[in-house]
Amino acid sequence: MIPTMGHFTPPKLLFALCLLFPIAASFSTSNDRKTYIIHMDKTGMPSTFSTQHDWYVSTLSSLSSPDDIPPIHLYSYKHVMDGFSAVLSQTHLDQLESLPGHVATFPESIGHLHTTHTP
């Protein structure tokens, strides 16, 4: 008689773990993605693009993804700063920093305001 673990016999448990392993591996590779704010120089925008947003989206789509998960464009900035925010892997970030028009990259951070005055 084979000992069981709940509803799973050892062969069924092994089979279930083999099915779940690729899912668990995909979660671990997506954990290295972070949100960044990318400052771009709009004078570096090629004349083939009608808007900065189109340039940013095209730039992100040109980045290669070794894990087949593309970068995600979140927002385009055009008033105070020229640039965009995106979810990028380290591979995407390395490629982006070498492209013309890239000025700086800032990782997402949350600021906490401290004051001694209240209304």
N, C-alpha and C. Protein backbone atom coordinates (compact mmCIF):
# COMPACT_ATOMS: atom_id res chain seq x y z
N MET A 1 0.84 -1.17 0.00
CA MET A 1 0.00 0.00 0.00
C MET A 1 0.89 1.24 0.00
N ILE A 2 0.56 2.21 -0.87
CA ILE A 2 1.32 3.45 -0.99
C ILE A 2 0.73 4.46 -0.04
N PRO A 3 1.57 5.09 0.80
CA PRO A 3 1.03 6.13 1.68
C PRO A 3 0.57 7.32 0.85
N THR A 4 -0.49 7.96 1.28
CA THR A 4 -1.02 9.11 0.54
C THR A 4 -0.89 10.38 1.36
N MET A 5 -0.89 11.51 0.65
CA MET A 5 -0.86 12.82 1.29
C MET A 5 -2.16 13.51 0.89
N GLY A 6 -3.18 13.36 1.70
CA GLY A 6 -4.48 13.91 1.33
C GLY A 6 -5.02 13.14 0.13
N HIS A 7 -5.32 13.83 -0.94
CA HIS A 7 -5.85 13.21 -2.16
C HIS A 7 -4.74 12.84 -3.13
N PHE A 8 -3.51 13.17 -2.81
CA PHE A 8 -2.41 12.93 -3.74
C PHE A 8 -1.58 11.72 -3.31
N THR A 9 -1.40 10.80 -4.22
CA THR A 9 -0.42 9.74 -4.00
C THR A 9 0.92 10.32 -4.42
N PRO A 10 2.06 9.77 -3.99
CA PRO A 10 3.36 10.33 -4.37
C PRO A 10 3.53 10.54 -5.88
N PRO A 11 3.10 9.61 -6.77
CA PRO A 11 3.26 9.90 -8.21
C PRO A 11 2.41 11.08 -8.66
N LYS A 12 1.19 11.19 -8.14
CA LYS A 12 0.33 12.32 -8.51
C LYS A 12 0.91 13.63 -7.99
N LEU A 13 1.48 13.60 -6.79
CA LEU A 13 2.08 14.79 -6.22
C LEU A 13 3.27 15.24 -7.05
N LEU A 14 4.10 14.30 -7.45
CA LEU A 14 5.25 14.62 -8.29
C LEU A 14 4.79 15.21 -9.62
N PHE A 15 3.76 14.63 -10.22
CA PHE A 15 3.23 15.13 -11.48
C PHE A 15 2.69 16.56 -11.31
N ALA A 16 1.97 16.81 -10.22
CA ALA A 16 1.42 18.15 -9.97
C ALA A 16 2.54 19.17 -9.78
N LEU A 17 3.60 18.79 -9.08
CA LEU A 17 4.73 19.70 -8.88
C LEU A 17 5.43 20.00 -10.19
N CYS A 18 5.53 19.02 -11.07
CA CYS A 18 6.15 19.23 -12.38
C CYS A 18 5.32 20.19 -13.22
N LEU A 19 4.01 20.14 -13.08
CA LEU A 19 3.16 21.07 -13.82
C LEU A 19 3.26 22.49 -13.26
N LEU A 20 3.44 22.61 -11.96
CA LEU A 20 3.50 23.93 -11.33
C LEU A 20 4.86 24.59 -11.42
N PHE A 21 5.92 23.84 -11.66
CA PHE A 21 7.26 24.40 -11.68
C PHE A 21 7.43 25.50 -12.73
N PRO A 22 6.98 25.33 -13.98
CA PRO A 22 7.12 26.42 -14.95
C PRO A 22 6.36 27.68 -14.55
N ILE A 23 5.23 27.52 -13.89
CA ILE A 23 4.47 28.68 -13.43
C ILE A 23 5.26 29.41 -12.35
N ALA A 24 5.81 28.68 -11.42
CA ALA A 24 6.60 29.28 -10.35
C ALA A 24 7.85 29.96 -10.92
N ALA A 25 8.47 29.36 -11.92
CA ALA A 25 9.66 29.95 -12.55
C ALA A 25 9.31 31.26 -13.24
N SER A 26 8.13 31.34 -13.86
CA SER A 26 7.75 32.58 -14.54
C SER A 26 7.51 33.70 -13.54
N PHE A 27 7.00 33.38 -12.35
CA PHE A 27 6.82 34.40 -11.34
C PHE A 27 8.16 34.94 -10.87
N SER A 28 9.15 34.08 -10.75
CA SER A 28 10.45 34.53 -10.26
C SER A 28 11.14 35.43 -11.28
N THR A 29 10.95 35.21 -12.59
CA THR A 29 11.59 36.07 -13.57
C THR A 29 10.87 37.40 -13.68
N SER A 30 9.57 37.44 -13.41
CA SER A 30 8.86 38.71 -13.51
C SER A 30 9.11 39.60 -12.30
N ASN A 31 9.65 39.05 -11.22
CA ASN A 31 9.90 39.83 -10.02
C ASN A 31 11.03 40.84 -10.21
N ASP A 32 11.88 40.65 -11.21
CA ASP A 32 12.98 41.58 -11.40
C ASP A 32 12.56 42.80 -12.20
N ARG A 33 11.31 42.94 -12.52
CA ARG A 33 10.79 44.11 -13.24
C ARG A 33 10.41 45.19 -12.23
N LYS A 34 10.77 46.41 -12.59
CA LYS A 34 10.47 47.54 -11.72
C LYS A 34 9.94 48.69 -12.55
N THR A 35 9.30 49.62 -11.89
CA THR A 35 8.78 50.80 -12.56
C THR A 35 9.84 51.90 -12.52
N TYR A 36 10.06 52.53 -13.68
CA TYR A 36 11.04 53.60 -13.79
C TYR A 36 10.41 54.80 -14.48
N ILE A 37 10.94 55.97 -14.18
CA ILE A 37 10.61 57.19 -14.91
C ILE A 37 11.83 57.49 -15.77
N ILE A 38 11.61 57.61 -17.07
CA ILE A 38 12.68 57.80 -18.03
C ILE A 38 12.62 59.23 -18.54
N HIS A 39 13.68 59.99 -18.31
CA HIS A 39 13.77 61.37 -18.80
C HIS A 39 14.42 61.33 -20.18
N MET A 40 13.72 61.88 -21.16
CA MET A 40 14.20 61.89 -22.55
C MET A 40 14.43 63.33 -23.02
N ASP A 41 15.33 63.50 -23.98
CA ASP A 41 15.59 64.78 -24.61
C ASP A 41 14.76 64.84 -25.89
N LYS A 42 13.75 65.70 -25.91
CA LYS A 42 12.84 65.71 -27.06
C LYS A 42 13.51 66.18 -28.34
N THR A 43 14.66 66.83 -28.23
CA THR A 43 15.37 67.23 -29.45
C THR A 43 15.99 66.00 -30.13
N GLY A 44 16.07 64.88 -29.43
CA GLY A 44 16.58 63.65 -30.01
C GLY A 44 15.51 62.83 -30.72
N MET A 45 14.27 63.30 -30.71
CA MET A 45 13.18 62.57 -31.35
C MET A 45 13.33 62.63 -32.88
N PRO A 46 13.34 61.46 -33.54
CA PRO A 46 13.41 61.46 -35.01
C PRO A 46 12.19 62.13 -35.62
N SER A 47 12.37 62.77 -36.76
CA SER A 47 11.29 63.53 -37.40
C SER A 47 10.18 62.63 -37.94
N THR A 48 10.41 61.31 -37.97
CA THR A 48 9.38 60.39 -38.48
C THR A 48 8.21 60.24 -37.51
N PHE A 49 8.38 60.67 -36.26
CA PHE A 49 7.31 60.55 -35.26
C PHE A 49 6.56 61.87 -35.15
N SER A 50 5.24 61.79 -35.11
CA SER A 50 4.42 63.00 -35.01
C SER A 50 4.28 63.48 -33.56
N THR A 51 4.36 62.56 -32.59
CA THR A 51 4.26 62.94 -31.17
C THR A 51 5.34 62.24 -30.36
N GLN A 52 5.63 62.82 -29.21
CA GLN A 52 6.61 62.20 -28.32
C GLN A 52 6.09 60.84 -27.83
N HIS A 53 4.79 60.77 -27.58
CA HIS A 53 4.20 59.51 -27.11
C HIS A 53 4.49 58.38 -28.11
N ASP A 54 4.30 58.67 -29.40
CA ASP A 54 4.59 57.66 -30.43
C ASP A 54 6.06 57.24 -30.40
N TRP A 55 6.93 58.20 -30.18
CA TRP A 55 8.37 57.90 -30.10
C TRP A 55 8.67 56.99 -28.91
N TYR A 56 8.07 57.30 -27.75
CA TYR A 56 8.32 56.50 -26.55
C TYR A 56 7.81 55.06 -26.72
N VAL A 57 6.61 54.93 -27.25
CA VAL A 57 6.02 53.60 -27.45
C VAL A 57 6.86 52.80 -28.45
N SER A 58 7.30 53.46 -29.51
CA SER A 58 8.14 52.78 -30.51
C SER A 58 9.49 52.38 -29.91
N THR A 59 10.04 53.26 -29.09
CA THR A 59 11.32 52.96 -28.44
C THR A 59 11.19 51.72 -27.55
N LEU A 60 10.12 51.67 -26.77
CA LEU A 60 9.92 50.51 -25.89
C LEU A 60 9.70 49.23 -26.70
N SER A 61 8.96 49.33 -27.80
CA SER A 61 8.70 48.12 -28.60
C SER A 61 9.96 47.63 -29.32
N SER A 62 10.96 48.50 -29.46
CA SER A 62 12.19 48.09 -30.12
C SER A 62 13.15 47.34 -29.20
N LEU A 63 12.88 47.37 -27.89
CA LEU A 63 13.76 46.69 -26.93
C LEU A 63 13.55 45.18 -27.00
N SER A 64 14.65 44.45 -27.00
CA SER A 64 14.52 42.99 -27.04
C SER A 64 14.24 42.44 -25.64
N SER A 65 13.46 41.38 -25.60
CA SER A 65 13.07 40.75 -24.34
C SER A 65 13.48 39.29 -24.36
N PRO A 66 14.54 38.93 -23.65
CA PRO A 66 14.98 37.53 -23.67
C PRO A 66 13.94 36.56 -23.10
N ASP A 67 13.06 37.04 -22.22
CA ASP A 67 12.04 36.17 -21.63
C ASP A 67 10.68 36.35 -22.30
N ASP A 68 10.64 37.05 -23.43
CA ASP A 68 9.41 37.28 -24.20
C ASP A 68 8.34 38.07 -23.44
N ILE A 69 8.73 38.80 -22.41
CA ILE A 69 7.80 39.68 -21.71
C ILE A 69 8.21 41.10 -22.06
N PRO A 70 7.41 41.80 -22.86
CA PRO A 70 7.80 43.13 -23.32
C PRO A 70 7.70 44.17 -22.20
N PRO A 71 8.39 45.31 -22.37
CA PRO A 71 8.23 46.40 -21.41
C PRO A 71 6.82 46.96 -21.49
N ILE A 72 6.37 47.55 -20.41
CA ILE A 72 5.01 48.09 -20.35
C ILE A 72 5.07 49.60 -20.19
N HIS A 73 4.52 50.32 -21.15
CA HIS A 73 4.45 51.78 -21.09
C HIS A 73 3.30 52.15 -20.15
N LEU A 74 3.58 53.05 -19.20
CA LEU A 74 2.54 53.44 -18.24
C LEU A 74 2.01 54.85 -18.49
N TYR A 75 2.92 55.81 -18.75
CA TYR A 75 2.48 57.19 -18.87
C TYR A 75 3.53 57.99 -19.63
N SER A 76 3.09 58.97 -20.41
CA SER A 76 3.99 59.89 -21.10
C SER A 76 3.92 61.25 -20.43
N TYR A 77 5.10 61.82 -20.12
CA TYR A 77 5.19 63.15 -19.52
C TYR A 77 5.55 64.15 -20.61
N LYS A 78 4.89 65.32 -20.62
CA LYS A 78 5.22 66.30 -21.65
C LYS A 78 5.13 67.75 -21.16
N HIS A 79 4.82 67.98 -19.90
CA HIS A 79 4.68 69.36 -19.45
C HIS A 79 5.89 69.81 -18.63
N VAL A 80 6.15 69.20 -17.54
CA VAL A 80 7.28 69.60 -16.69
C VAL A 80 8.57 68.94 -17.16
N MET A 81 8.45 67.75 -17.65
CA MET A 81 9.60 66.97 -18.09
C MET A 81 9.18 66.19 -19.33
N ASP A 82 10.13 65.93 -20.21
CA ASP A 82 9.87 65.09 -21.37
C ASP A 82 10.33 63.69 -21.05
N GLY A 83 9.43 62.72 -21.16
CA GLY A 83 9.78 61.34 -20.86
C GLY A 83 8.56 60.49 -20.64
N PHE A 84 8.76 59.36 -20.01
CA PHE A 84 7.67 58.42 -19.78
C PHE A 84 8.00 57.54 -18.60
N SER A 85 6.98 56.84 -18.12
CA SER A 85 7.20 55.83 -17.08
C SER A 85 6.86 54.47 -17.70
N ALA A 86 7.59 53.46 -17.25
CA ALA A 86 7.41 52.12 -17.80
C ALA A 86 7.87 51.08 -16.81
N VAL A 87 7.35 49.87 -16.98
CA VAL A 87 7.80 48.71 -16.21
C VAL A 87 8.84 48.01 -17.07
N LEU A 88 10.07 47.93 -16.54
CA LEU A 88 11.20 47.42 -17.31
C LEU A 88 11.99 46.38 -16.52
N SER A 89 12.59 45.47 -17.26
CA SER A 89 13.55 44.54 -16.65
C SER A 89 14.93 45.21 -16.72
N GLN A 90 15.91 44.63 -16.09
CA GLN A 90 17.27 45.17 -16.14
C GLN A 90 17.81 45.13 -17.57
N THR A 91 17.46 44.10 -18.34
CA THR A 91 17.87 44.01 -19.74
C THR A 91 17.30 45.17 -20.55
N HIS A 92 16.02 45.47 -20.35
CA HIS A 92 15.39 46.60 -21.05
C HIS A 92 16.08 47.90 -20.66
N LEU A 93 16.35 48.06 -19.37
CA LEU A 93 16.95 49.28 -18.87
C LEU A 93 18.34 49.50 -19.48
N ASP A 94 19.12 48.45 -19.56
CA ASP A 94 20.47 48.55 -20.15
C ASP A 94 20.39 48.98 -21.61
N GLN A 95 19.45 48.43 -22.35
CA GLN A 95 19.29 48.79 -23.76
C GLN A 95 18.81 50.24 -23.90
N LEU A 96 17.87 50.63 -23.08
CA LEU A 96 17.29 51.96 -23.15
C LEU A 96 18.31 53.04 -22.85
N GLU A 97 19.17 52.80 -21.88
CA GLU A 97 20.15 53.81 -21.48
C GLU A 97 21.18 54.09 -22.56
N SER A 98 21.33 53.18 -23.52
CA SER A 98 22.30 53.40 -24.60
C SER A 98 21.68 54.03 -25.84
N LEU A 99 20.38 54.29 -25.83
CA LEU A 99 19.70 54.86 -27.00
C LEU A 99 19.84 56.39 -27.03
N PRO A 100 19.87 56.97 -28.25
CA PRO A 100 19.92 58.43 -28.35
C PRO A 100 18.64 59.05 -27.77
N GLY A 101 18.80 60.17 -27.12
CA GLY A 101 17.66 60.86 -26.52
C GLY A 101 17.48 60.55 -25.05
N HIS A 102 18.09 59.47 -24.55
CA HIS A 102 17.97 59.12 -23.13
C HIS A 102 18.80 60.09 -22.30
N VAL A 103 18.18 60.68 -21.29
CA VAL A 103 18.88 61.62 -20.42
C VAL A 103 19.18 60.97 -19.07
N ALA A 104 18.15 60.42 -18.42
CA ALA A 104 18.32 59.84 -17.09
C ALA A 104 17.19 58.86 -16.79
N THR A 105 17.46 57.98 -15.86
CA THR A 105 16.47 57.00 -15.41
C THR A 105 16.34 57.11 -13.90
N PHE A 106 15.10 57.15 -13.44
CA PHE A 106 14.83 57.25 -12.02
C PHE A 106 13.93 56.09 -11.60
N PRO A 107 14.36 55.27 -10.63
CA PRO A 107 13.47 54.21 -10.16
C PRO A 107 12.28 54.81 -9.42
N GLU A 108 11.15 54.13 -9.51
CA GLU A 108 9.95 54.59 -8.81
C GLU A 108 10.22 54.63 -7.31
N SER A 109 9.79 55.70 -6.69
CA SER A 109 9.91 55.80 -5.23
C SER A 109 8.69 56.55 -4.70
N ILE A 110 8.40 56.33 -3.46
CA ILE A 110 7.27 56.98 -2.82
C ILE A 110 7.82 57.98 -1.83
N GLY A 111 7.40 59.23 -1.99
CA GLY A 111 7.85 60.27 -1.08
C GLY A 111 6.85 60.47 0.04
N HIS A 112 7.36 60.73 1.21
CA HIS A 112 6.52 61.00 2.38
C HIS A 112 6.78 62.43 2.81
N LEU A 113 5.74 63.24 2.85
CA LEU A 113 5.87 64.62 3.28
C LEU A 113 5.77 64.71 4.79
N HIS A 114 6.69 65.50 5.35
CA HIS A 114 6.68 65.71 6.80
C HIS A 114 6.52 67.20 7.05
N THR A 115 5.64 67.56 7.93
CA THR A 115 5.41 68.96 8.24
C THR A 115 5.12 69.12 9.72
N THR A 116 5.44 70.31 10.19
CA THR A 116 5.12 70.60 11.60
C THR A 116 3.88 71.48 11.69
N HIS A 117 3.34 71.87 10.52
CA HIS A 117 2.16 72.73 10.50
C HIS A 117 0.97 71.96 9.96
N THR A 118 -0.16 72.14 10.60
CA THR A 118 -1.40 71.53 10.12
C THR A 118 -2.46 72.60 10.02
N PRO A 119 -3.43 72.45 9.14
CA PRO A 119 -4.48 73.48 9.01
C PRO A 119 -5.35 73.58 10.24
